[in-house]
N, C-alpha and C. Protein backbone atom coordinates (compact mmCIF):
# COMPACT_ATOMS: atom_id res chain seq x y z
N MET A 1 0.84 -1.18 0.00
CA MET A 1 0.00 0.00 0.00
C MET A 1 0.89 1.25 0.00
N ILE A 2 0.60 2.16 -0.90
CA ILE A 2 1.34 3.42 -0.99
C ILE A 2 0.60 4.46 -0.17
N LYS A 3 1.32 5.12 0.73
CA LYS A 3 0.71 6.16 1.55
C LYS A 3 0.80 7.49 0.80
N LYS A 4 -0.34 8.12 0.61
CA LYS A 4 -0.41 9.38 -0.10
C LYS A 4 -0.11 10.54 0.85
N ARG A 5 0.76 11.46 0.45
CA ARG A 5 1.07 12.63 1.27
C ARG A 5 -0.07 13.62 1.21
N SER A 6 -0.35 14.20 2.35
CA SER A 6 -1.45 15.16 2.43
C SER A 6 -0.98 16.54 2.00
N TYR A 7 -1.81 17.22 1.23
CA TYR A 7 -1.51 18.58 0.82
C TYR A 7 -2.13 19.59 1.78
N LYS A 8 -2.85 19.11 2.76
CA LYS A 8 -3.48 19.97 3.75
C LYS A 8 -3.14 19.42 5.12
N GLY A 9 -3.07 20.33 6.08
CA GLY A 9 -2.80 19.87 7.43
C GLY A 9 -2.52 21.01 8.38
N LYS A 10 -2.14 20.64 9.60
CA LYS A 10 -1.77 21.61 10.62
C LYS A 10 -0.26 21.65 10.72
N TYR A 11 0.26 22.86 10.81
CA TYR A 11 1.69 23.03 10.97
C TYR A 11 2.00 23.31 12.44
N LYS A 12 2.94 22.57 13.00
CA LYS A 12 3.37 22.78 14.38
C LYS A 12 4.74 23.44 14.33
N PRO A 13 4.81 24.73 14.69
CA PRO A 13 6.09 25.44 14.59
C PRO A 13 7.10 24.99 15.64
N SER A 14 8.37 24.99 15.26
CA SER A 14 9.44 24.68 16.21
C SER A 14 9.79 25.93 17.02
N ASN A 15 9.40 27.11 16.53
CA ASN A 15 9.61 28.38 17.22
C ASN A 15 8.27 29.10 17.40
N PRO A 16 7.39 28.59 18.26
CA PRO A 16 6.04 29.15 18.37
C PRO A 16 6.01 30.62 18.80
N LYS A 17 7.06 31.10 19.46
CA LYS A 17 7.07 32.50 19.90
C LYS A 17 7.19 33.46 18.72
N LYS A 18 7.71 32.98 17.59
CA LYS A 18 7.82 33.82 16.39
C LYS A 18 6.45 34.02 15.73
N TYR A 19 5.54 33.09 15.97
CA TYR A 19 4.22 33.14 15.33
C TYR A 19 3.31 34.09 16.08
N LYS A 20 2.75 35.06 15.38
CA LYS A 20 1.85 36.04 15.98
C LYS A 20 0.41 35.63 15.68
N GLY A 21 -0.16 34.89 16.59
CA GLY A 21 -1.49 34.35 16.45
C GLY A 21 -1.56 33.06 17.24
N ASP A 22 -2.54 32.24 16.95
CA ASP A 22 -2.71 30.96 17.63
C ASP A 22 -1.79 29.93 17.00
N SER A 23 -0.64 29.68 17.61
CA SER A 23 0.35 28.77 17.02
C SER A 23 -0.09 27.31 17.06
N SER A 24 -1.20 27.03 17.74
CA SER A 24 -1.69 25.65 17.77
C SER A 24 -2.69 25.39 16.64
N ASN A 25 -2.98 26.42 15.84
CA ASN A 25 -3.97 26.26 14.78
C ASN A 25 -3.49 26.91 13.48
N ILE A 26 -2.31 26.50 13.02
CA ILE A 26 -1.76 27.01 11.77
C ILE A 26 -2.07 25.97 10.68
N ILE A 27 -2.89 26.36 9.73
CA ILE A 27 -3.36 25.44 8.69
C ILE A 27 -2.67 25.73 7.36
N TYR A 28 -2.17 24.67 6.70
CA TYR A 28 -1.67 24.84 5.34
C TYR A 28 -2.60 24.10 4.39
N ARG A 29 -2.75 24.68 3.18
CA ARG A 29 -3.65 24.12 2.19
C ARG A 29 -2.91 23.61 0.96
N SER A 30 -1.59 23.70 1.02
CA SER A 30 -0.77 23.17 -0.08
C SER A 30 0.63 22.91 0.47
N LEU A 31 1.37 22.09 -0.23
CA LEU A 31 2.75 21.84 0.19
C LEU A 31 3.60 23.09 0.01
N TRP A 32 3.23 23.96 -0.92
CA TRP A 32 3.96 25.22 -1.09
C TRP A 32 3.76 26.11 0.13
N GLU A 33 2.53 26.19 0.63
CA GLU A 33 2.28 26.97 1.85
C GLU A 33 3.08 26.39 3.01
N ARG A 34 3.10 25.08 3.12
CA ARG A 34 3.87 24.44 4.19
C ARG A 34 5.35 24.78 4.07
N LYS A 35 5.85 24.79 2.86
CA LYS A 35 7.25 25.13 2.63
C LYS A 35 7.56 26.55 3.13
N VAL A 36 6.65 27.49 2.87
CA VAL A 36 6.83 28.87 3.35
C VAL A 36 6.77 28.90 4.88
N MET A 37 5.89 28.11 5.47
CA MET A 37 5.79 28.05 6.93
C MET A 37 7.10 27.56 7.56
N VAL A 38 7.66 26.50 7.01
CA VAL A 38 8.93 25.98 7.51
C VAL A 38 10.02 27.04 7.39
N TYR A 39 10.05 27.73 6.26
CA TYR A 39 11.04 28.79 6.03
C TYR A 39 10.88 29.90 7.07
N CYS A 40 9.65 30.37 7.27
CA CYS A 40 9.40 31.45 8.24
C CYS A 40 9.77 31.02 9.65
N ASP A 41 9.44 29.79 9.98
CA ASP A 41 9.65 29.27 11.32
C ASP A 41 11.14 29.09 11.63
N THR A 42 11.93 28.71 10.64
CA THR A 42 13.33 28.35 10.91
C THR A 42 14.35 29.39 10.48
N ASN A 43 13.95 30.36 9.67
CA ASN A 43 14.91 31.37 9.20
C ASN A 43 15.16 32.40 10.31
N PRO A 44 16.43 32.60 10.69
CA PRO A 44 16.72 33.54 11.78
C PRO A 44 16.43 35.00 11.43
N TYR A 45 16.32 35.33 10.15
CA TYR A 45 16.02 36.70 9.74
C TYR A 45 14.52 37.01 9.80
N ILE A 46 13.71 35.98 9.88
CA ILE A 46 12.27 36.16 10.05
C ILE A 46 12.04 36.36 11.55
N LEU A 47 11.56 37.54 11.92
CA LEU A 47 11.36 37.88 13.33
C LEU A 47 9.98 37.46 13.83
N GLU A 48 8.97 37.66 12.98
CA GLU A 48 7.59 37.30 13.31
C GLU A 48 6.89 36.91 12.02
N TRP A 49 5.84 36.08 12.16
CA TRP A 49 5.06 35.73 10.99
C TRP A 49 3.66 35.29 11.41
N GLN A 50 2.75 35.33 10.43
CA GLN A 50 1.37 34.91 10.61
C GLN A 50 0.89 34.22 9.34
N SER A 51 -0.12 33.40 9.48
CA SER A 51 -0.73 32.75 8.33
C SER A 51 -2.25 32.97 8.38
N GLU A 52 -2.76 33.67 7.38
CA GLU A 52 -4.18 33.96 7.24
C GLU A 52 -4.78 34.61 8.48
N GLU A 53 -4.05 35.52 9.10
CA GLU A 53 -4.52 36.23 10.28
C GLU A 53 -4.99 37.65 9.93
N ILE A 54 -4.56 38.17 8.79
CA ILE A 54 -4.93 39.53 8.36
C ILE A 54 -6.16 39.46 7.47
N VAL A 55 -7.05 40.42 7.64
CA VAL A 55 -8.26 40.51 6.80
C VAL A 55 -8.18 41.81 6.01
N ILE A 56 -8.29 41.68 4.69
CA ILE A 56 -8.27 42.86 3.80
C ILE A 56 -9.61 42.90 3.06
N PRO A 57 -10.39 43.96 3.26
CA PRO A 57 -11.66 44.07 2.52
C PRO A 57 -11.39 44.42 1.05
N TYR A 58 -12.22 43.88 0.17
CA TYR A 58 -12.13 44.19 -1.26
C TYR A 58 -13.50 44.05 -1.89
N ARG A 59 -13.68 44.70 -3.02
CA ARG A 59 -14.94 44.61 -3.76
C ARG A 59 -14.81 43.45 -4.75
N ASN A 60 -15.65 42.44 -4.60
CA ASN A 60 -15.64 41.30 -5.49
C ASN A 60 -16.24 41.72 -6.83
N PRO A 61 -15.45 41.72 -7.91
CA PRO A 61 -15.96 42.18 -9.20
C PRO A 61 -16.97 41.23 -9.84
N VAL A 62 -17.04 40.01 -9.35
CA VAL A 62 -17.96 39.02 -9.91
C VAL A 62 -19.39 39.28 -9.44
N ASN A 63 -19.55 39.56 -8.13
CA ASN A 63 -20.91 39.77 -7.61
C ASN A 63 -21.14 41.19 -7.10
N GLY A 64 -20.10 42.03 -7.10
CA GLY A 64 -20.22 43.42 -6.68
C GLY A 64 -20.27 43.64 -5.17
N ARG A 65 -20.14 42.56 -4.43
CA ARG A 65 -20.24 42.66 -2.97
C ARG A 65 -18.90 42.95 -2.32
N LEU A 66 -18.96 43.57 -1.14
CA LEU A 66 -17.77 43.75 -0.33
C LEU A 66 -17.41 42.38 0.25
N SER A 67 -16.18 41.95 0.08
CA SER A 67 -15.74 40.64 0.53
C SER A 67 -14.49 40.78 1.38
N ARG A 68 -14.04 39.67 1.95
CA ARG A 68 -12.85 39.66 2.78
C ARG A 68 -11.79 38.75 2.19
N TYR A 69 -10.58 39.24 2.17
CA TYR A 69 -9.43 38.50 1.65
C TYR A 69 -8.48 38.22 2.80
N PHE A 70 -8.10 36.97 2.97
CA PHE A 70 -7.16 36.55 4.00
C PHE A 70 -5.86 36.13 3.30
N PRO A 71 -4.90 37.05 3.16
CA PRO A 71 -3.65 36.68 2.50
C PRO A 71 -2.96 35.52 3.24
N ASP A 72 -2.19 34.76 2.51
CA ASP A 72 -1.57 33.57 3.08
C ASP A 72 -0.61 33.89 4.23
N PHE A 73 0.22 34.93 4.06
CA PHE A 73 1.23 35.21 5.09
C PHE A 73 1.47 36.69 5.29
N TRP A 74 1.80 37.03 6.52
CA TRP A 74 2.40 38.32 6.88
C TRP A 74 3.73 37.97 7.53
N VAL A 75 4.79 38.65 7.11
CA VAL A 75 6.13 38.36 7.62
C VAL A 75 6.83 39.66 8.01
N LYS A 76 7.44 39.64 9.17
CA LYS A 76 8.29 40.75 9.63
C LYS A 76 9.71 40.19 9.68
N TYR A 77 10.61 40.83 8.94
CA TYR A 77 11.96 40.27 8.83
C TYR A 77 13.01 41.36 8.74
N GLN A 78 14.24 40.94 8.94
CA GLN A 78 15.39 41.84 8.79
C GLN A 78 15.94 41.61 7.39
N ASN A 79 15.95 42.68 6.58
CA ASN A 79 16.41 42.53 5.20
C ASN A 79 17.95 42.54 5.13
N ASP A 80 18.48 42.41 3.93
CA ASP A 80 19.93 42.30 3.75
C ASP A 80 20.70 43.57 4.13
N LYS A 81 19.98 44.68 4.29
CA LYS A 81 20.62 45.93 4.73
C LYS A 81 20.51 46.11 6.24
N GLY A 82 19.88 45.15 6.91
CA GLY A 82 19.72 45.22 8.36
C GLY A 82 18.46 45.93 8.81
N ASN A 83 17.65 46.39 7.87
CA ASN A 83 16.40 47.09 8.22
C ASN A 83 15.28 46.09 8.50
N ILE A 84 14.42 46.45 9.44
CA ILE A 84 13.24 45.62 9.73
C ILE A 84 12.15 46.03 8.74
N THR A 85 11.60 45.07 8.05
CA THR A 85 10.57 45.35 7.04
C THR A 85 9.45 44.31 7.16
N GLN A 86 8.30 44.63 6.57
CA GLN A 86 7.15 43.74 6.63
C GLN A 86 6.60 43.50 5.23
N LYS A 87 6.06 42.30 5.06
CA LYS A 87 5.59 41.90 3.74
C LYS A 87 4.36 41.01 3.89
N ILE A 88 3.44 41.15 2.95
CA ILE A 88 2.32 40.22 2.84
C ILE A 88 2.61 39.35 1.61
N ILE A 89 2.41 38.06 1.80
CA ILE A 89 2.74 37.09 0.75
C ILE A 89 1.52 36.24 0.42
N GLU A 90 1.28 36.07 -0.87
CA GLU A 90 0.24 35.16 -1.36
C GLU A 90 0.94 34.04 -2.12
N VAL A 91 0.56 32.81 -1.85
CA VAL A 91 1.12 31.65 -2.54
C VAL A 91 0.07 31.16 -3.52
N LYS A 92 0.42 31.15 -4.82
CA LYS A 92 -0.54 30.75 -5.86
C LYS A 92 0.17 30.00 -6.98
N PRO A 93 -0.48 29.02 -7.57
CA PRO A 93 0.07 28.43 -8.79
C PRO A 93 0.17 29.51 -9.87
N LYS A 94 1.22 29.47 -10.65
CA LYS A 94 1.48 30.48 -11.67
C LYS A 94 0.30 30.64 -12.63
N LYS A 95 -0.37 29.53 -12.95
CA LYS A 95 -1.47 29.60 -13.91
C LYS A 95 -2.61 30.51 -13.43
N TYR A 96 -2.73 30.73 -12.11
CA TYR A 96 -3.77 31.61 -11.58
C TYR A 96 -3.35 33.07 -11.56
N THR A 97 -2.11 33.34 -11.92
CA THR A 97 -1.63 34.73 -11.94
C THR A 97 -1.60 35.30 -13.36
N ILE A 98 -1.95 34.46 -14.33
CA ILE A 98 -1.92 34.86 -15.74
C ILE A 98 -3.35 34.97 -16.26
N SER A 99 -3.63 36.05 -16.95
CA SER A 99 -4.97 36.26 -17.51
C SER A 99 -5.34 35.16 -18.50
N PRO A 100 -6.54 34.60 -18.39
CA PRO A 100 -6.99 33.61 -19.38
C PRO A 100 -7.05 34.25 -20.77
N ARG A 101 -6.99 33.42 -21.80
CA ARG A 101 -7.05 33.95 -23.17
C ARG A 101 -8.26 34.83 -23.35
N GLN A 102 -8.07 35.93 -24.07
CA GLN A 102 -9.13 36.93 -24.23
C GLN A 102 -10.29 36.43 -25.08
N ASN A 103 -10.01 35.84 -26.23
CA ASN A 103 -11.08 35.41 -27.14
C ASN A 103 -10.85 33.98 -27.61
N PRO A 104 -11.14 33.01 -26.73
CA PRO A 104 -10.96 31.62 -27.17
C PRO A 104 -12.01 31.26 -28.22
N LYS A 105 -11.73 30.23 -28.99
CA LYS A 105 -12.69 29.80 -30.01
C LYS A 105 -13.98 29.32 -29.36
N ARG A 106 -13.83 28.63 -28.22
CA ARG A 106 -15.01 28.15 -27.50
C ARG A 106 -14.96 28.68 -26.08
N LYS A 107 -16.03 29.28 -25.64
CA LYS A 107 -16.11 29.81 -24.28
C LYS A 107 -16.75 28.74 -23.39
N THR A 108 -15.93 27.83 -22.92
CA THR A 108 -16.39 26.71 -22.11
C THR A 108 -16.66 27.14 -20.68
N LYS A 109 -17.28 26.25 -19.91
CA LYS A 109 -17.50 26.50 -18.48
C LYS A 109 -16.17 26.67 -17.76
N LEU A 110 -15.19 25.87 -18.14
CA LEU A 110 -13.87 25.97 -17.53
C LEU A 110 -13.25 27.34 -17.80
N TRP A 111 -13.34 27.80 -19.04
CA TRP A 111 -12.79 29.12 -19.39
C TRP A 111 -13.49 30.22 -18.58
N ARG A 112 -14.81 30.16 -18.52
CA ARG A 112 -15.57 31.16 -17.75
C ARG A 112 -15.16 31.15 -16.27
N SER A 113 -14.99 29.97 -15.73
CA SER A 113 -14.57 29.83 -14.34
C SER A 113 -13.18 30.44 -14.13
N GLU A 114 -12.27 30.20 -15.06
CA GLU A 114 -10.91 30.75 -14.97
C GLU A 114 -10.94 32.28 -15.03
N VAL A 115 -11.79 32.83 -15.90
CA VAL A 115 -11.91 34.28 -16.03
C VAL A 115 -12.42 34.89 -14.72
N LEU A 116 -13.49 34.30 -14.17
CA LEU A 116 -14.06 34.82 -12.92
C LEU A 116 -13.06 34.73 -11.77
N GLU A 117 -12.35 33.63 -11.68
CA GLU A 117 -11.35 33.46 -10.62
C GLU A 117 -10.21 34.46 -10.78
N TYR A 118 -9.78 34.69 -12.01
CA TYR A 118 -8.71 35.66 -12.26
C TYR A 118 -9.17 37.08 -11.88
N LEU A 119 -10.40 37.43 -12.24
CA LEU A 119 -10.93 38.76 -11.87
C LEU A 119 -10.97 38.93 -10.36
N LYS A 120 -11.42 37.89 -9.67
CA LYS A 120 -11.51 37.95 -8.21
C LYS A 120 -10.11 38.06 -7.59
N ASN A 121 -9.17 37.26 -8.09
CA ASN A 121 -7.80 37.29 -7.56
C ASN A 121 -7.15 38.65 -7.78
N THR A 122 -7.29 39.22 -8.96
CA THR A 122 -6.66 40.51 -9.22
C THR A 122 -7.27 41.61 -8.34
N ALA A 123 -8.56 41.53 -8.05
CA ALA A 123 -9.19 42.50 -7.14
C ALA A 123 -8.61 42.35 -5.73
N LYS A 124 -8.41 41.11 -5.30
CA LYS A 124 -7.81 40.86 -3.99
C LYS A 124 -6.40 41.44 -3.93
N TRP A 125 -5.63 41.20 -4.98
CA TRP A 125 -4.23 41.62 -4.98
C TRP A 125 -4.10 43.14 -5.06
N LYS A 126 -5.00 43.79 -5.78
CA LYS A 126 -4.99 45.27 -5.80
C LYS A 126 -5.31 45.82 -4.42
N ALA A 127 -6.27 45.20 -3.74
CA ALA A 127 -6.62 45.62 -2.38
C ALA A 127 -5.43 45.39 -1.44
N ALA A 128 -4.73 44.28 -1.62
CA ALA A 128 -3.56 43.98 -0.78
C ALA A 128 -2.45 44.99 -1.02
N GLU A 129 -2.22 45.36 -2.28
CA GLU A 129 -1.19 46.35 -2.59
C GLU A 129 -1.53 47.70 -1.94
N LYS A 130 -2.79 48.09 -1.99
CA LYS A 130 -3.23 49.33 -1.37
C LYS A 130 -3.06 49.26 0.16
N TYR A 131 -3.46 48.15 0.74
CA TYR A 131 -3.32 47.91 2.18
C TYR A 131 -1.85 48.01 2.59
N CYS A 132 -0.99 47.38 1.83
CA CYS A 132 0.45 47.38 2.13
C CYS A 132 1.07 48.77 1.98
N LYS A 133 0.71 49.45 0.91
CA LYS A 133 1.26 50.78 0.67
C LYS A 133 0.93 51.72 1.83
N LYS A 134 -0.29 51.62 2.33
CA LYS A 134 -0.76 52.45 3.44
C LYS A 134 0.04 52.21 4.72
N ARG A 135 0.58 50.99 4.87
CA ARG A 135 1.28 50.60 6.09
C ARG A 135 2.80 50.51 5.93
N GLY A 136 3.28 50.76 4.73
CA GLY A 136 4.72 50.67 4.49
C GLY A 136 5.21 49.24 4.32
N TYR A 137 4.30 48.31 3.99
CA TYR A 137 4.66 46.92 3.74
C TYR A 137 4.90 46.75 2.24
N SER A 138 5.33 45.57 1.86
CA SER A 138 5.36 45.21 0.45
C SER A 138 4.44 43.99 0.27
N PHE A 139 4.07 43.73 -0.98
CA PHE A 139 3.19 42.62 -1.31
C PHE A 139 3.88 41.78 -2.37
N GLN A 140 3.83 40.47 -2.21
CA GLN A 140 4.49 39.57 -3.15
C GLN A 140 3.64 38.32 -3.37
N ILE A 141 3.56 37.90 -4.62
CA ILE A 141 2.90 36.64 -4.96
C ILE A 141 4.01 35.64 -5.26
N LEU A 142 4.01 34.51 -4.55
CA LEU A 142 4.99 33.46 -4.79
C LEU A 142 4.34 32.33 -5.56
N THR A 143 4.99 31.92 -6.65
CA THR A 143 4.50 30.81 -7.47
C THR A 143 5.51 29.67 -7.41
N GLU A 144 5.21 28.61 -8.12
CA GLU A 144 6.12 27.47 -8.18
C GLU A 144 7.49 27.85 -8.75
N ASP A 145 7.54 28.92 -9.55
CA ASP A 145 8.83 29.37 -10.09
C ASP A 145 9.79 29.73 -8.95
N PHE A 146 9.26 30.29 -7.89
CA PHE A 146 10.07 30.67 -6.73
C PHE A 146 10.17 29.53 -5.73
N LEU A 147 9.06 28.83 -5.51
CA LEU A 147 8.99 27.82 -4.46
C LEU A 147 9.57 26.48 -4.86
N SER A 148 9.59 26.17 -6.14
CA SER A 148 10.11 24.88 -6.62
C SER A 148 11.02 25.09 -7.82
N PRO A 149 12.14 25.80 -7.64
CA PRO A 149 12.98 26.08 -8.81
C PRO A 149 13.65 24.84 -9.38
N TYR A 150 13.80 23.81 -8.57
CA TYR A 150 14.46 22.58 -9.03
C TYR A 150 13.44 21.47 -9.06
N LYS A 151 13.12 21.02 -10.25
CA LYS A 151 12.07 20.00 -10.37
C LYS A 151 12.68 18.65 -10.60
């Protein structure tokens, strides 16, 4: 019997004092998110971190309603110049960061779903950039290109 690895689970930090929130309830929804958690937990330059603890309001362009966005990570770290800086990070597959084709030959349900998801994601990310700018943070989307450079 082959045991399948779970892509979802609870992360137990080795440095719980670095985590700003409930360190007994840190949930990852992908192995990439878990990889970022391990990095934040073990990197000495990461001073504090959170996972899905920040709420950013945004207008959902699909239904027009005010919605809430919970970015994957907030990180407070010492940069290479020795300055303390803060960043909000979203972990996403690269295919969700690229606009679907504008005029496909067939407008399938899958294509429509991809368009709606892309519109919603870009609205979230614009709200996150505005939120970060207001607070002096930066915003970054991490894809497999960054998280899995060696395949």
